[in-house]
Amino acid sequence: MRWDNLRLADAGRDDPAVPLFARDAVTRTFDTPEFRGMTFYEIQARSIINRVPAASRVPFEYTINPYRGCGHRCVYCFARKTHQYLDLDSGADFDSKIVVKVNAAELARKELASPRWGGHHVAMGTNVDCYQRAEGRYRLMRGILAALRDAANPFSILTKGTLILRDLDLLTEAAERAEVGAAVSVGFVDPGVWRSVEPGTPDPHRRLETCATLNDNGIACGVLMAPILPYLTDSPAQLDRTVREIAQAGATHLTPIVLHLRPGAREWWLAWLSREHPRLVPRYLELYGRGAYAPKSYQERISAQVKELAARHGVGRTAPAMARRLPPPPAPEPEAPEQLTLL
């Protein structure tokens, strides 16, 4: 999805005088602590339900992404490269220059009502987080959820944001009409690692509390245990602690994913690693020297460990009986098949 529809049709791509977005785009900054240093590009998108290219091989066909860029500032974020399609960089620009599709709810309602729409499952939070901090100001998800509810359209949400609980009323109403699933992303619970690599996200324990609250209110919620960071969060003790706390939160399921480093994220991650853990750089270059993914043997070993821990701690056994047992939400969109284990 290259966002060419946001560029002036007659503009020269290399002309510095040409604006990046269409003439009706609005650029805003907010002088509040949570948005200081950030710029928001409010645009009128042409469409909001996106069909995923078949080559991506993900277990869903359609997505809704009301934002581009993310204030969570996760160093490893796989979606960083998408900012380069906007002639922005995948590092600081991705963290601080956020594209906001202000007409997302209106488009969702229109497209869901189209005779051509087949009522397919819609995945949200698969590119950048739809409940990132900006959502607290723009409130796009309430309109999107209302449109999905009114269309009785199935959907799932993946998020690191506790703000999803603001919309609990709409989620429960939608779940009375169609399948609704949720997952929170918690790859580790170590406070030092969290503050360093996910500085804009809620505390992992608050995310697990969010998982518990969703399940308590009948919205089946699992955990995407991602990413597991080699040499940082993959020790037996760290994995055990994380899985134990996921089980205590009543997660309906658990899916572990080892860190993958695609172009865009790879450079940003290695720069961070060289500053914070320089001794690990050679080990990462060895582990990821052949591409974006860790060796299959490493992924299989971690998955086996997590599977054993999940069985030991009872993941899925302590979730409230009232929770709707729906298919788990999908993992983020990968460029190549991911080594996934559903527990």
C-alpha atoms as a PDB file:
ATOM      1  CA  MET A   1       0.000   0.000   0.000  1.00  0.00           C
ATOM      2  CA  ARG A   2       2.102   2.883  -1.299  1.00  0.00           C
ATOM      3  CA  TRP A   3      -0.170   5.810  -0.456  1.00  0.00           C
ATOM      4  CA  ASP A   4       0.253   7.232  -3.954  1.00  0.00           C
ATOM      5  CA  ASN A   5      -3.358   8.399  -3.645  1.00  0.00           C
ATOM      6  CA  LEU A   6      -2.170  10.972  -1.096  1.00  0.00           C
ATOM      7  CA  ARG A   7       0.225  12.590  -3.543  1.00  0.00           C
ATOM      8  CA  LEU A   8      -0.740  15.248  -6.076  1.00  0.00           C
ATOM      9  CA  ALA A   9      -1.427  13.492  -9.369  1.00  0.00           C
ATOM     10  CA  ASP A  10       0.462  16.063 -11.414  1.00  0.00           C
ATOM     11  CA  ALA A  11       3.329  16.512  -8.982  1.00  0.00           C
ATOM     12  CA  GLY A  12       6.940  15.853  -9.797  1.00  0.00           C
ATOM     13  CA  ARG A  13       8.210  13.253  -7.332  1.00  0.00           C
ATOM     14  CA  ASP A  14      11.625  14.863  -6.951  1.00  0.00           C
ATOM     15  CA  ASP A  15      10.431  18.466  -6.732  1.00  0.00           C
ATOM     16  CA  PRO A  16      11.084  19.689  -3.139  1.00  0.00           C
ATOM     17  CA  ALA A  17       8.410  22.358  -3.569  1.00  0.00           C
ATOM     18  CA  VAL A  18       5.707  19.726  -4.081  1.00  0.00           C
ATOM     19  CA  PRO A  19       3.766  18.834  -0.923  1.00  0.00           C
ATOM     20  CA  LEU A  20       3.844  15.201   0.151  1.00  0.00           C
ATOM     21  CA  PHE A  21       0.094  14.979   0.712  1.00  0.00           C
ATOM     22  CA  ALA A  22      -2.931  16.272  -1.143  1.00  0.00           C
ATOM     23  CA  ARG A  23      -3.966  19.913  -0.943  1.00  0.00           C
ATOM     24  CA  ASP A  24      -6.660  19.288   1.636  1.00  0.00           C
ATOM     25  CA  ALA A  25      -4.259  17.667   4.131  1.00  0.00           C
ATOM     26  CA  VAL A  26      -3.852  19.464   7.453  1.00  0.00           C
ATOM     27  CA  THR A  27      -0.628  19.414   9.470  1.00  0.00           C
ATOM     28  CA  ARG A  28      -0.981  19.726  13.246  1.00  0.00           C
ATOM     29  CA  THR A  29       1.223  19.772  16.317  1.00  0.00           C
ATOM     30  CA  PHE A  30      -0.018  19.694  19.911  1.00  0.00           C
ATOM     31  CA  ASP A  31       1.739  21.396  22.796  1.00  0.00           C
ATOM     32  CA  THR A  32       1.042  18.677  25.320  1.00  0.00           C
ATOM     33  CA  PRO A  33       3.634  16.386  26.940  1.00  0.00           C
ATOM     34  CA  GLU A  34       2.365  13.202  25.307  1.00  0.00           C
ATOM     35  CA  PHE A  35       2.536  14.706  21.785  1.00  0.00           C
ATOM     36  CA  ARG A  36       5.529  17.024  22.114  1.00  0.00           C
ATOM     37  CA  GLY A  37       7.850  16.698  19.133  1.00  0.00           C
ATOM     38  CA  MET A  38       5.207  14.916  17.055  1.00  0.00           C
ATOM     39  CA  THR A  39       3.528  16.051  13.836  1.00  0.00           C
ATOM     40  CA  PHE A  40       0.155  14.774  12.644  1.00  0.00           C
ATOM     41  CA  TYR A  41      -0.839  14.797   8.986  1.00  0.00           C
ATOM     42  CA  GLU A  42      -4.630  14.736   8.790  1.00  0.00           C
ATOM     43  CA  ILE A  43      -5.595  13.409   5.387  1.00  0.00           C
ATOM     44  CA  GLN A  44      -8.743  12.441   3.526  1.00  0.00           C
ATOM     45  CA  ALA A  45      -8.135   8.844   2.460  1.00  0.00           C
ATOM     46  CA  ARG A  46      -9.806   7.441  -0.661  1.00  0.00           C
ATOM     47  CA  SER A  47     -10.423   4.014   0.869  1.00  0.00           C
ATOM     48  CA  ILE A  48     -10.055   2.365   4.261  1.00  0.00           C
ATOM     49  CA  ILE A  49     -10.603  -1.404   3.822  1.00  0.00           C
ATOM     50  CA  ASN A  50      -7.407  -2.721   2.294  1.00  0.00           C
ATOM     51  CA  ARG A  51      -6.979  -6.074   0.589  1.00  0.00           C
ATOM     52  CA  VAL A  52      -3.754  -7.780   1.600  1.00  0.00           C
ATOM     53  CA  PRO A  53      -1.583  -8.945  -1.320  1.00  0.00           C
ATOM     54  CA  ALA A  54      -1.676 -12.713  -1.725  1.00  0.00           C
ATOM     55  CA  ALA A  55       2.114 -12.848  -1.582  1.00  0.00           C
ATOM     56  CA  SER A  56       2.063 -11.791   2.074  1.00  0.00           C
ATOM     57  CA  ARG A  57       0.672 -15.234   3.063  1.00  0.00           C
ATOM     58  CA  VAL A  58      -1.065 -13.970   6.188  1.00  0.00           C
ATOM     59  CA  PRO A  59      -4.223 -15.664   7.512  1.00  0.00           C
ATOM     60  CA  PHE A  60      -6.526 -12.783   6.610  1.00  0.00           C
ATOM     61  CA  GLU A  61      -7.444 -10.885   3.477  1.00  0.00           C
ATOM     62  CA  TYR A  62      -8.630  -7.473   4.647  1.00  0.00           C
ATOM     63  CA  THR A  63      -7.363  -4.855   7.052  1.00  0.00           C
ATOM     64  CA  ILE A  64      -8.260  -1.409   8.324  1.00  0.00           C
ATOM     65  CA  ASN A  65      -5.398   0.873   9.337  1.00  0.00           C
ATOM     66  CA  PRO A  66      -6.533   4.364  10.397  1.00  0.00           C
ATOM     67  CA  TYR A  67      -2.967   5.526  11.127  1.00  0.00           C
ATOM     68  CA  ARG A  68       0.462   5.422   9.488  1.00  0.00           C
ATOM     69  CA  GLY A  69       3.473   5.708  11.775  1.00  0.00           C
ATOM     70  CA  CYS A  70       3.240   4.986  15.488  1.00  0.00           C
ATOM     71  CA  GLY A  71       3.896   6.845  18.715  1.00  0.00           C
ATOM     72  CA  HIS A  72       4.643   3.595  20.550  1.00  0.00           C
ATOM     73  CA  ARG A  73       8.198   3.999  19.228  1.00  0.00           C
ATOM     74  CA  CYS A  74       8.995   0.275  19.418  1.00  0.00           C
ATOM     75  CA  VAL A  75      12.581   0.038  18.217  1.00  0.00           C
ATOM     76  CA  TYR A  76      12.008  -3.271  16.453  1.00  0.00           C
ATOM     77  CA  CYS A  77       8.702  -2.440  14.707  1.00  0.00           C
ATOM     78  CA  PHE A  78       8.419  -4.394  11.444  1.00  0.00           C
ATOM     79  CA  ALA A  79       6.225  -1.670   9.895  1.00  0.00           C
ATOM     80  CA  ARG A  80       8.939   1.003   9.896  1.00  0.00           C
ATOM     81  CA  LYS A  81       9.765   0.567   6.228  1.00  0.00           C
ATOM     82  CA  THR A  82       6.237   1.608   5.232  1.00  0.00           C
ATOM     83  CA  HIS A  83       7.122   5.199   6.126  1.00  0.00           C
ATOM     84  CA  GLN A  84       9.677   5.239   3.345  1.00  0.00           C
ATOM     85  CA  TYR A  85       6.766   5.019   0.891  1.00  0.00           C
ATOM     86  CA  LEU A  86       5.870   8.518   2.099  1.00  0.00           C
ATOM     87  CA  ASP A  87       9.410   9.821   1.531  1.00  0.00           C
ATOM     88  CA  LEU A  88       9.889   9.796   5.306  1.00  0.00           C
ATOM     89  CA  ASP A  89      12.532   7.821   7.137  1.00  0.00           C
ATOM     90  CA  SER A  90      11.863   4.583   8.979  1.00  0.00           C
ATOM     91  CA  GLY A  91      13.484   5.797  12.172  1.00  0.00           C
ATOM     92  CA  ALA A  92      12.613   9.028  13.960  1.00  0.00           C
ATOM     93  CA  ASP A  93      10.018  10.027  11.334  1.00  0.00           C
ATOM     94  CA  PHE A  94       8.097   6.789  11.869  1.00  0.00           C
ATOM     95  CA  ASP A  95       7.935   7.553  15.590  1.00  0.00           C
ATOM     96  CA  SER A  96       7.021  11.218  15.325  1.00  0.00           C
ATOM     97  CA  LYS A  97       5.261  11.914  11.996  1.00  0.00           C
ATOM     98  CA  ILE A  98       1.875  10.249  12.130  1.00  0.00           C
ATOM     99  CA  VAL A  99      -0.564  10.094   9.230  1.00  0.00           C
ATOM    100  CA  VAL A 100      -4.190  10.233  10.406  1.00  0.00           C
ATOM    101  CA  LYS A 101      -7.013   9.175   8.086  1.00  0.00           C
ATOM    102  CA  VAL A 102      -9.592  11.488   9.600  1.00  0.00           C
ATOM    103  CA  ASN A 103     -12.407  10.158   7.389  1.00  0.00           C
ATOM    104  CA  ALA A 104     -11.739   6.518   8.340  1.00  0.00           C
ATOM    105  CA  ALA A 105     -15.078   5.930  10.081  1.00  0.00           C
ATOM    106  CA  GLU A 106     -17.084   7.479   7.249  1.00  0.00           C
ATOM    107  CA  LEU A 107     -15.262   5.357   4.679  1.00  0.00           C
ATOM    108  CA  ALA A 108     -15.658   2.197   6.751  1.00  0.00           C
ATOM    109  CA  ARG A 109     -19.422   2.644   6.936  1.00  0.00           C
ATOM    110  CA  LYS A 110     -19.635   3.354   3.206  1.00  0.00           C
ATOM    111  CA  GLU A 111     -17.453   0.432   2.133  1.00  0.00           C
ATOM    112  CA  LEU A 112     -19.086  -2.072   4.486  1.00  0.00           C
ATOM    113  CA  ALA A 113     -22.467  -1.134   3.001  1.00  0.00           C
ATOM    114  CA  SER A 114     -21.305  -1.613  -0.579  1.00  0.00           C
ATOM    115  CA  PRO A 115     -23.025  -4.453  -2.504  1.00  0.00           C
ATOM    116  CA  ARG A 116     -19.540  -5.578  -3.552  1.00  0.00           C
ATOM    117  CA  TRP A 117     -18.432  -6.154   0.038  1.00  0.00           C
ATOM    118  CA  GLY A 118     -18.649  -9.820   1.042  1.00  0.00           C
ATOM    119  CA  GLY A 119     -18.696  -9.506   4.824  1.00  0.00           C
ATOM    120  CA  HIS A 120     -15.132 -10.772   5.178  1.00  0.00           C
ATOM    121  CA  HIS A 121     -13.201 -10.802   8.426  1.00  0.00           C
ATOM    122  CA  VAL A 122     -11.367  -7.504   8.978  1.00  0.00           C
ATOM    123  CA  ALA A 123      -8.085  -7.461  10.927  1.00  0.00           C
ATOM    124  CA  MET A 124      -6.978  -4.299  12.711  1.00  0.00           C
ATOM    125  CA  GLY A 125      -3.682  -3.450  14.369  1.00  0.00           C
ATOM    126  CA  THR A 126      -1.757  -5.563  11.871  1.00  0.00           C
ATOM    127  CA  ASN A 127       0.446  -2.731  10.596  1.00  0.00           C
ATOM    128  CA  VAL A 128       0.651  -0.011  13.236  1.00  0.00           C
ATOM    129  CA  ASP A 129      -1.351   0.065  16.451  1.00  0.00           C
ATOM    130  CA  CYS A 130      -4.885   1.372  15.981  1.00  0.00           C
ATOM    131  CA  TYR A 131      -4.917   2.155  19.733  1.00  0.00           C
ATOM    132  CA  GLN A 132      -1.691   4.095  19.838  1.00  0.00           C
ATOM    133  CA  ARG A 133      -1.682   7.294  21.879  1.00  0.00           C
ATOM    134  CA  ALA A 134      -2.999   9.436  18.999  1.00  0.00           C
ATOM    135  CA  GLU A 135      -6.276   7.499  19.124  1.00  0.00           C
ATOM    136  CA  GLY A 136      -7.042   9.155  22.457  1.00  0.00           C
ATOM    137  CA  ARG A 137      -7.299  12.468  20.606  1.00  0.00           C
ATOM    138  CA  TYR A 138      -8.698  11.447  17.224  1.00  0.00           C
ATOM    139  CA  ARG A 139     -11.114   8.709  18.394  1.00  0.00           C
ATOM    140  CA  LEU A 140     -11.272   7.087  14.961  1.00  0.00           C
ATOM    141  CA  MET A 141     -11.805   3.574  16.281  1.00  0.00           C
ATOM    142  CA  ARG A 142     -15.176   4.312  17.845  1.00  0.00           C
ATOM    143  CA  GLY A 143     -16.624   5.212  14.468  1.00  0.00           C
ATOM    144  CA  ILE A 144     -14.964   2.240  12.795  1.00  0.00           C
ATOM    145  CA  LEU A 145     -16.239  -0.182  15.443  1.00  0.00           C
ATOM    146  CA  ALA A 146     -19.729   1.275  15.227  1.00  0.00           C
ATOM    147  CA  ALA A 147     -19.699   0.712  11.469  1.00  0.00           C
ATOM    148  CA  LEU A 148     -18.522  -2.889  11.889  1.00  0.00           C
ATOM    149  CA  ARG A 149     -21.157  -3.482  14.567  1.00  0.00           C
ATOM    150  CA  ASP A 150     -23.965  -2.088  12.436  1.00  0.00           C
ATOM    151  CA  ALA A 151     -22.840  -4.201   9.480  1.00  0.00           C
ATOM    152  CA  ALA A 152     -22.590  -7.325  11.704  1.00  0.00           C
ATOM    153  CA  ASN A 153     -19.116  -7.778  10.247  1.00  0.00           C
ATOM    154  CA  PRO A 154     -16.550 -10.058  11.947  1.00  0.00           C
ATOM    155  CA  PHE A 155     -13.273  -8.498  13.018  1.00  0.00           C
ATOM    156  CA  SER A 156     -10.254  -8.833  15.286  1.00  0.00           C
ATOM    157  CA  ILE A 157      -7.927  -6.351  16.959  1.00  0.00           C
ATOM    158  CA  LEU A 158      -4.268  -6.694  17.904  1.00  0.00           C
ATOM    159  CA  THR A 159      -2.930  -3.960  20.181  1.00  0.00           C
ATOM    160  CA  LYS A 160      -0.385  -2.871  22.761  1.00  0.00           C
ATOM    161  CA  GLY A 161      -2.774  -0.110  23.836  1.00  0.00           C
ATOM    162  CA  THR A 162      -4.932  -0.188  26.941  1.00  0.00           C
ATOM    163  CA  LEU A 163      -7.160   2.393  25.241  1.00  0.00           C
ATOM    164  CA  ILE A 164      -9.129  -0.466  23.712  1.00  0.00           C
ATOM    165  CA  LEU A 165     -11.054  -0.652  27.006  1.00  0.00           C
ATOM    166  CA  ARG A 166     -12.580   2.746  26.236  1.00  0.00           C
ATOM    167  CA  ASP A 167     -14.509   0.988  23.472  1.00  0.00           C
ATOM    168  CA  LEU A 168     -15.616  -2.014  25.498  1.00  0.00           C
ATOM    169  CA  ASP A 169     -19.249  -1.058  24.996  1.00  0.00           C
ATOM    170  CA  LEU A 170     -18.919  -1.184  21.197  1.00  0.00           C
ATOM    171  CA  LEU A 171     -16.890  -4.390  21.291  1.00  0.00           C
ATOM    172  CA  THR A 172     -19.519  -6.211  23.343  1.00  0.00           C
ATOM    173  CA  GLU A 173     -22.343  -4.901  21.155  1.00  0.00           C
ATOM    174  CA  ALA A 174     -20.493  -5.997  18.010  1.00  0.00           C
ATOM    175  CA  ALA A 175     -19.813  -9.426  19.526  1.00  0.00           C
ATOM    176  CA  GLU A 176     -23.561  -9.996  19.849  1.00  0.00           C
ATOM    177  CA  ARG A 177     -23.851  -9.781  16.058  1.00  0.00           C
ATOM    178  CA  ALA A 178     -20.619 -11.264  14.690  1.00  0.00           C
ATOM    179  CA  GLU A 179     -17.375 -12.915  15.677  1.00  0.00           C
ATOM    180  CA  VAL A 180     -15.092 -10.521  17.543  1.00  0.00           C
ATOM    181  CA  GLY A 181     -11.627 -11.423  18.767  1.00  0.00           C
ATOM    182  CA  ALA A 182      -8.790  -9.545  20.416  1.00  0.00           C
ATOM    183  CA  ALA A 183      -5.166 -10.019  21.368  1.00  0.00           C
ATOM    184  CA  VAL A 184      -2.692  -7.898  23.257  1.00  0.00           C
ATOM    185  CA  SER A 185       0.973  -7.932  22.332  1.00  0.00           C
ATOM    186  CA  VAL A 186       3.294  -8.724  25.250  1.00  0.00           C
ATOM    187  CA  GLY A 187       6.633 -10.221  24.303  1.00  0.00           C
ATOM    188  CA  PHE A 188       8.217  -9.850  27.724  1.00  0.00           C
ATOM    189  CA  VAL A 189       7.517  -8.351  31.132  1.00  0.00           C
ATOM    190  CA  ASP A 190      11.021  -7.167  32.084  1.00  0.00           C
ATOM    191  CA  PRO A 191      10.631  -3.479  33.048  1.00  0.00           C
ATOM    192  CA  GLY A 192      14.112  -2.453  31.935  1.00  0.00           C
ATOM    193  CA  VAL A 193      13.772  -3.959  28.475  1.00  0.00           C
ATOM    194  CA  TRP A 194      10.258  -2.519  28.117  1.00  0.00           C
ATOM    195  CA  ARG A 195      11.365   1.042  28.901  1.00  0.00           C
ATOM    196  CA  SER A 196      14.266   0.760  26.485  1.00  0.00           C
ATOM    197  CA  VAL A 197      12.658  -0.831  23.419  1.00  0.00           C
ATOM    198  CA  GLU A 198       8.951   0.116  23.764  1.00  0.00           C
ATOM    199  CA  PRO A 199       9.140   3.590  25.340  1.00  0.00           C
ATOM    200  CA  GLY A 200       5.754   4.823  24.105  1.00  0.00           C
ATOM    201  CA  THR A 201       3.684   1.803  25.137  1.00  0.00           C
ATOM    202  CA  PRO A 202       1.753   1.039  28.318  1.00  0.00           C
ATOM    203  CA  ASP A 203       3.483  -1.155  30.895  1.00  0.00           C
ATOM    204  CA  PRO A 204       3.255  -4.861  29.912  1.00  0.00           C
ATOM    205  CA  HIS A 205       1.398  -5.579  33.147  1.00  0.00           C
ATOM    206  CA  ARG A 206      -1.264  -3.034  32.215  1.00  0.00           C
ATOM    207  CA  ARG A 207      -1.638  -4.764  28.860  1.00  0.00           C
ATOM    208  CA  LEU A 208      -2.166  -8.075  30.628  1.00  0.00           C
ATOM    209  CA  GLU A 209      -4.747  -6.425  32.868  1.00  0.00           C
ATOM    210  CA  THR A 210      -6.438  -5.271  29.664  1.00  0.00           C
ATOM    211  CA  CYS A 211      -6.475  -8.863  28.427  1.00  0.00           C
ATOM    212  CA  ALA A 212      -8.116  -9.978  31.674  1.00  0.00           C
ATOM    213  CA  THR A 213     -10.727  -7.214  31.508  1.00  0.00           C
ATOM    214  CA  LEU A 214     -11.668  -8.058  27.935  1.00  0.00           C
ATOM    215  CA  ASN A 215     -12.118 -11.723  28.852  1.00  0.00           C
ATOM    216  CA  ASP A 216     -14.115 -10.791  31.942  1.00  0.00           C
ATOM    217  CA  ASN A 217     -16.495  -8.912  29.660  1.00  0.00           C
ATOM    218  CA  GLY A 218     -16.950 -11.729  27.170  1.00  0.00           C
ATOM    219  CA  ILE A 219     -14.434 -10.679  24.518  1.00  0.00           C
ATOM    220  CA  ALA A 220     -12.058 -13.590  23.965  1.00  0.00           C
ATOM    221  CA  CYS A 221      -8.563 -12.164  24.261  1.00  0.00           C
ATOM    222  CA  GLY A 222      -5.246 -13.919  23.855  1.00  0.00           C
ATOM    223  CA  VAL A 223      -1.649 -12.782  23.849  1.00  0.00           C
ATOM    224  CA  LEU A 224       0.782 -12.417  20.987  1.00  0.00           C
ATOM    225  CA  MET A 225       4.063 -13.058  22.805  1.00  0.00           C
ATOM    226  CA  ALA A 226       6.066 -10.923  20.432  1.00  0.00           C
ATOM    227  CA  PRO A 227       8.729 -10.206  19.881  1.00  0.00           C
ATOM    228  CA  ILE A 228      10.927 -12.557  21.855  1.00  0.00           C
ATOM    229  CA  LEU A 229      14.313 -10.832  21.730  1.00  0.00           C
ATOM    230  CA  PRO A 230      17.354 -13.095  21.346  1.00  0.00           C
ATOM    231  CA  TYR A 231      19.869 -12.737  24.194  1.00  0.00           C
ATOM    232  CA  LEU A 232      17.634 -10.150  25.886  1.00  0.00           C
ATOM    233  CA  THR A 233      14.324 -11.838  26.765  1.00  0.00           C
ATOM    234  CA  ASP A 234      14.816 -15.474  25.738  1.00  0.00           C
ATOM    235  CA  SER A 235      16.404 -16.989  28.845  1.00  0.00           C
ATOM    236  CA  PRO A 236      14.476 -19.853  30.483  1.00  0.00           C
ATOM    237  CA  ALA A 237      13.757 -17.673  33.529  1.00  0.00           C
ATOM    238  CA  GLN A 238      12.482 -14.756  31.431  1.00  0.00           C
ATOM    239  CA  LEU A 239      10.280 -16.971  29.277  1.00  0.00           C
ATOM    240  CA  ASP A 240       8.872 -18.664  32.360  1.00  0.00           C
ATOM    241  CA  ARG A 241       8.031 -15.372  34.033  1.00  0.00           C
ATOM    242  CA  THR A 242       6.346 -13.991  30.933  1.00  0.00           C
ATOM    243  CA  VAL A 243       4.261 -17.096  30.241  1.00  0.00           C
ATOM    244  CA  ARG A 244       3.290 -17.379  33.916  1.00  0.00           C
ATOM    245  CA  GLU A 245       1.966 -13.821  33.965  1.00  0.00           C
ATOM    246  CA  ILE A 246       0.155 -14.356  30.652  1.00  0.00           C
ATOM    247  CA  ALA A 247      -1.569 -17.398  32.148  1.00  0.00           C
ATOM    248  CA  GLN A 248      -2.494 -15.462  35.291  1.00  0.00           C
ATOM    249  CA  ALA A 249      -4.149 -12.832  33.074  1.00  0.00           C
ATOM    250  CA  GLY A 250      -6.519 -15.496  31.738  1.00  0.00           C
ATOM    251  CA  ALA A 251      -5.340 -15.331  28.132  1.00  0.00           C
ATOM    252  CA  THR A 252      -7.393 -17.627  25.905  1.00  0.00           C
ATOM    253  CA  HIS A 253      -4.355 -18.502  23.801  1.00  0.00           C
ATOM    254  CA  LEU A 254      -0.700 -17.646  23.364  1.00  0.00           C
ATOM    255  CA  THR A 255       1.312 -17.240  20.155  1.00  0.00           C
ATOM    256  CA  PRO A 256       5.100 -16.730  20.446  1.00  0.00           C
ATOM    257  CA  ILE A 257       7.009 -14.949  17.691  1.00  0.00           C
ATOM    258  CA  VAL A 258      10.765 -14.437  17.650  1.00  0.00           C
ATOM    259  CA  LEU A 259      12.044 -11.016  16.580  1.00  0.00           C
ATOM    260  CA  HIS A 260      12.384 -10.550  12.848  1.00  0.00           C
ATOM    261  CA  LEU A 261      14.408  -7.732  11.328  1.00  0.00           C
ATOM    262  CA  ARG A 262      13.281  -6.522   7.931  1.00  0.00           C
ATOM    263  CA  PRO A 263      14.847  -3.581   6.121  1.00  0.00           C
ATOM    264  CA  GLY A 264      13.917  -0.368   7.897  1.00  0.00           C
ATOM    265  CA  ALA A 265      13.522  -2.030  11.272  1.00  0.00           C
ATOM    266  CA  ARG A 266      16.864  -3.815  10.929  1.00  0.00           C
ATOM    267  CA  GLU A 267      18.909  -0.615  10.677  1.00  0.00           C
ATOM    268  CA  TRP A 268      17.048   1.108  13.498  1.00  0.00           C
ATOM    269  CA  TRP A 269      17.360  -1.952  15.769  1.00  0.00           C
ATOM    270  CA  LEU A 270      21.074  -2.477  15.112  1.00  0.00           C
ATOM    271  CA  ALA A 271      21.759   1.216  15.787  1.00  0.00           C
ATOM    272  CA  TRP A 272      19.963   0.895  19.121  1.00  0.00           C
ATOM    273  CA  LEU A 273      21.784  -2.336  19.902  1.00  0.00           C
ATOM    274  CA  SER A 274      25.173  -0.760  19.192  1.00  0.00           C
ATOM    275  CA  ARG A 275      24.387   1.981  21.722  1.00  0.00           C
ATOM    276  CA  GLU A 276      22.757  -0.089  24.440  1.00  0.00           C
ATOM    277  CA  HIS A 277      24.299  -3.574  24.061  1.00  0.00           C
ATOM    278  CA  PRO A 278      27.338  -3.296  21.773  1.00  0.00           C
ATOM    279  CA  ARG A 279      28.613  -6.739  22.784  1.00  0.00           C
ATOM    280  CA  LEU A 280      25.504  -8.305  21.264  1.00  0.00           C
ATOM    281  CA  VAL A 281      25.975  -6.804  17.800  1.00  0.00           C
ATOM    282  CA  PRO A 282      28.236  -9.616  16.493  1.00  0.00           C
ATOM    283  CA  ARG A 283      25.829 -12.235  17.861  1.00  0.00           C
ATOM    284  CA  TYR A 284      22.892 -10.573  16.100  1.00  0.00           C
ATOM    285  CA  LEU A 285      24.799 -10.287  12.856  1.00  0.00           C
ATOM    286  CA  GLU A 286      25.480 -14.006  13.099  1.00  0.00           C
ATOM    287  CA  LEU A 287      21.884 -14.879  13.968  1.00  0.00           C
ATOM    288  CA  TYR A 288      20.333 -12.618  11.303  1.00  0.00           C
ATOM    289  CA  GLY A 289      23.177 -12.668   8.810  1.00  0.00           C
ATOM    290  CA  ARG A 290      21.162 -14.496   6.150  1.00  0.00           C
ATOM    291  CA  GLY A 291      17.990 -12.453   6.268  1.00  0.00           C
ATOM    292  CA  ALA A 292      15.202 -11.028   8.365  1.00  0.00           C
ATOM    293  CA  TYR A 293      14.464 -14.188  10.345  1.00  0.00           C
ATOM    294  CA  ALA A 294      16.380 -16.083  12.977  1.00  0.00           C
ATOM    295  CA  PRO A 295      17.345 -19.634  12.003  1.00  0.00           C
ATOM    296  CA  LYS A 296      14.486 -22.099  12.003  1.00  0.00           C
ATOM    297  CA  SER A 297      16.226 -24.208  14.639  1.00  0.00           C
ATOM    298  CA  TYR A 298      16.300 -21.262  17.040  1.00  0.00           C
ATOM    299  CA  GLN A 299      12.636 -20.430  16.404  1.00  0.00           C
ATOM    300  CA  GLU A 300      11.608 -24.044  16.929  1.00  0.00           C
ATOM    301  CA  ARG A 301      13.554 -24.258  20.183  1.00  0.00           C
ATOM    302  CA  ILE A 302      11.919 -21.108  21.576  1.00  0.00           C
ATOM    303  CA  SER A 303       8.464 -22.244  20.439  1.00  0.00           C
ATOM    304  CA  ALA A 304       8.947 -25.609  22.142  1.00  0.00           C
ATOM    305  CA  GLN A 305       9.993 -23.945  25.373  1.00  0.00           C
ATOM    306  CA  VAL A 306       7.010 -21.609  25.326  1.00  0.00           C
ATOM    307  CA  LYS A 307       4.638 -24.456  24.489  1.00  0.00           C
ATOM    308  CA  GLU A 308       5.887 -26.456  27.479  1.00  0.00           C
ATOM    309  CA  LEU A 309       5.593 -23.425  29.772  1.00  0.00           C
ATOM    310  CA  ALA A 310       2.085 -22.660  28.493  1.00  0.00           C
ATOM    311  CA  ALA A 311       0.981 -26.196  29.337  1.00  0.00           C
ATOM    312  CA  ARG A 312       2.627 -26.016  32.753  1.00  0.00           C
ATOM    313  CA  HIS A 313       1.053 -22.689  33.687  1.00  0.00           C
ATOM    314  CA  GLY A 314      -2.320 -23.469  32.150  1.00  0.00           C
ATOM    315  CA  VAL A 315      -2.681 -20.879  29.415  1.00  0.00           C
ATOM    316  CA  GLY A 316      -6.279 -21.007  28.236  1.00  0.00           C
ATOM    317  CA  ARG A 317      -7.538 -22.989  31.218  1.00  0.00           C
ATOM    318  CA  THR A 318      -8.254 -20.078  33.559  1.00  0.00           C
ATOM    319  CA  ALA A 319     -10.072 -17.772  31.131  1.00  0.00           C
ATOM    320  CA  PRO A 320     -13.628 -16.888  32.229  1.00  0.00           C
ATOM    321  CA  ALA A 321     -16.244 -19.348  31.005  1.00  0.00           C
ATOM    322  CA  MET A 322     -18.312 -16.503  29.575  1.00  0.00           C
ATOM    323  CA  ALA A 323     -15.567 -15.491  27.142  1.00  0.00           C
ATOM    324  CA  ARG A 324     -16.524 -16.157  23.547  1.00  0.00           C
ATOM    325  CA  ARG A 325     -14.190 -18.814  22.149  1.00  0.00           C
ATOM    326  CA  LEU A 326     -13.393 -17.366  18.758  1.00  0.00           C
ATOM    327  CA  PRO A 327     -10.522 -17.958  16.350  1.00  0.00           C
ATOM    328  CA  PRO A 328      -7.453 -16.037  17.579  1.00  0.00           C
ATOM    329  CA  PRO A 329      -6.669 -12.706  15.912  1.00  0.00           C
ATOM    330  CA  PRO A 330      -3.920 -12.840  13.300  1.00  0.00           C
ATOM    331  CA  ALA A 331      -0.288 -12.053  13.852  1.00  0.00           C
ATOM    332  CA  PRO A 332       1.146  -8.888  12.253  1.00  0.00           C
ATOM    333  CA  GLU A 333       1.558  -8.867   8.489  1.00  0.00           C
ATOM    334  CA  PRO A 334       4.868 -10.567   7.552  1.00  0.00           C
ATOM    335  CA  GLU A 335       6.596 -10.446   4.179  1.00  0.00           C
ATOM    336  CA  ALA A 336       7.415 -14.148   4.396  1.00  0.00           C
ATOM    337  CA  PRO A 337       5.909 -17.098   6.277  1.00  0.00           C
ATOM    338  CA  GLU A 338       6.467 -16.763  10.007  1.00  0.00           C
ATOM    339  CA  GLN A 339       7.304 -19.593  12.363  1.00  0.00           C
ATOM    340  CA  LEU A 340       4.147 -19.513  14.484  1.00  0.00           C
ATOM    341  CA  THR A 341       2.981 -21.844  17.184  1.00  0.00           C
ATOM    342  CA  LEU A 342      -0.540 -21.437  18.533  1.00  0.00           C
ATOM    343  CA  LEU A 343      -0.776 -22.535  22.141  1.00  0.00           C
END
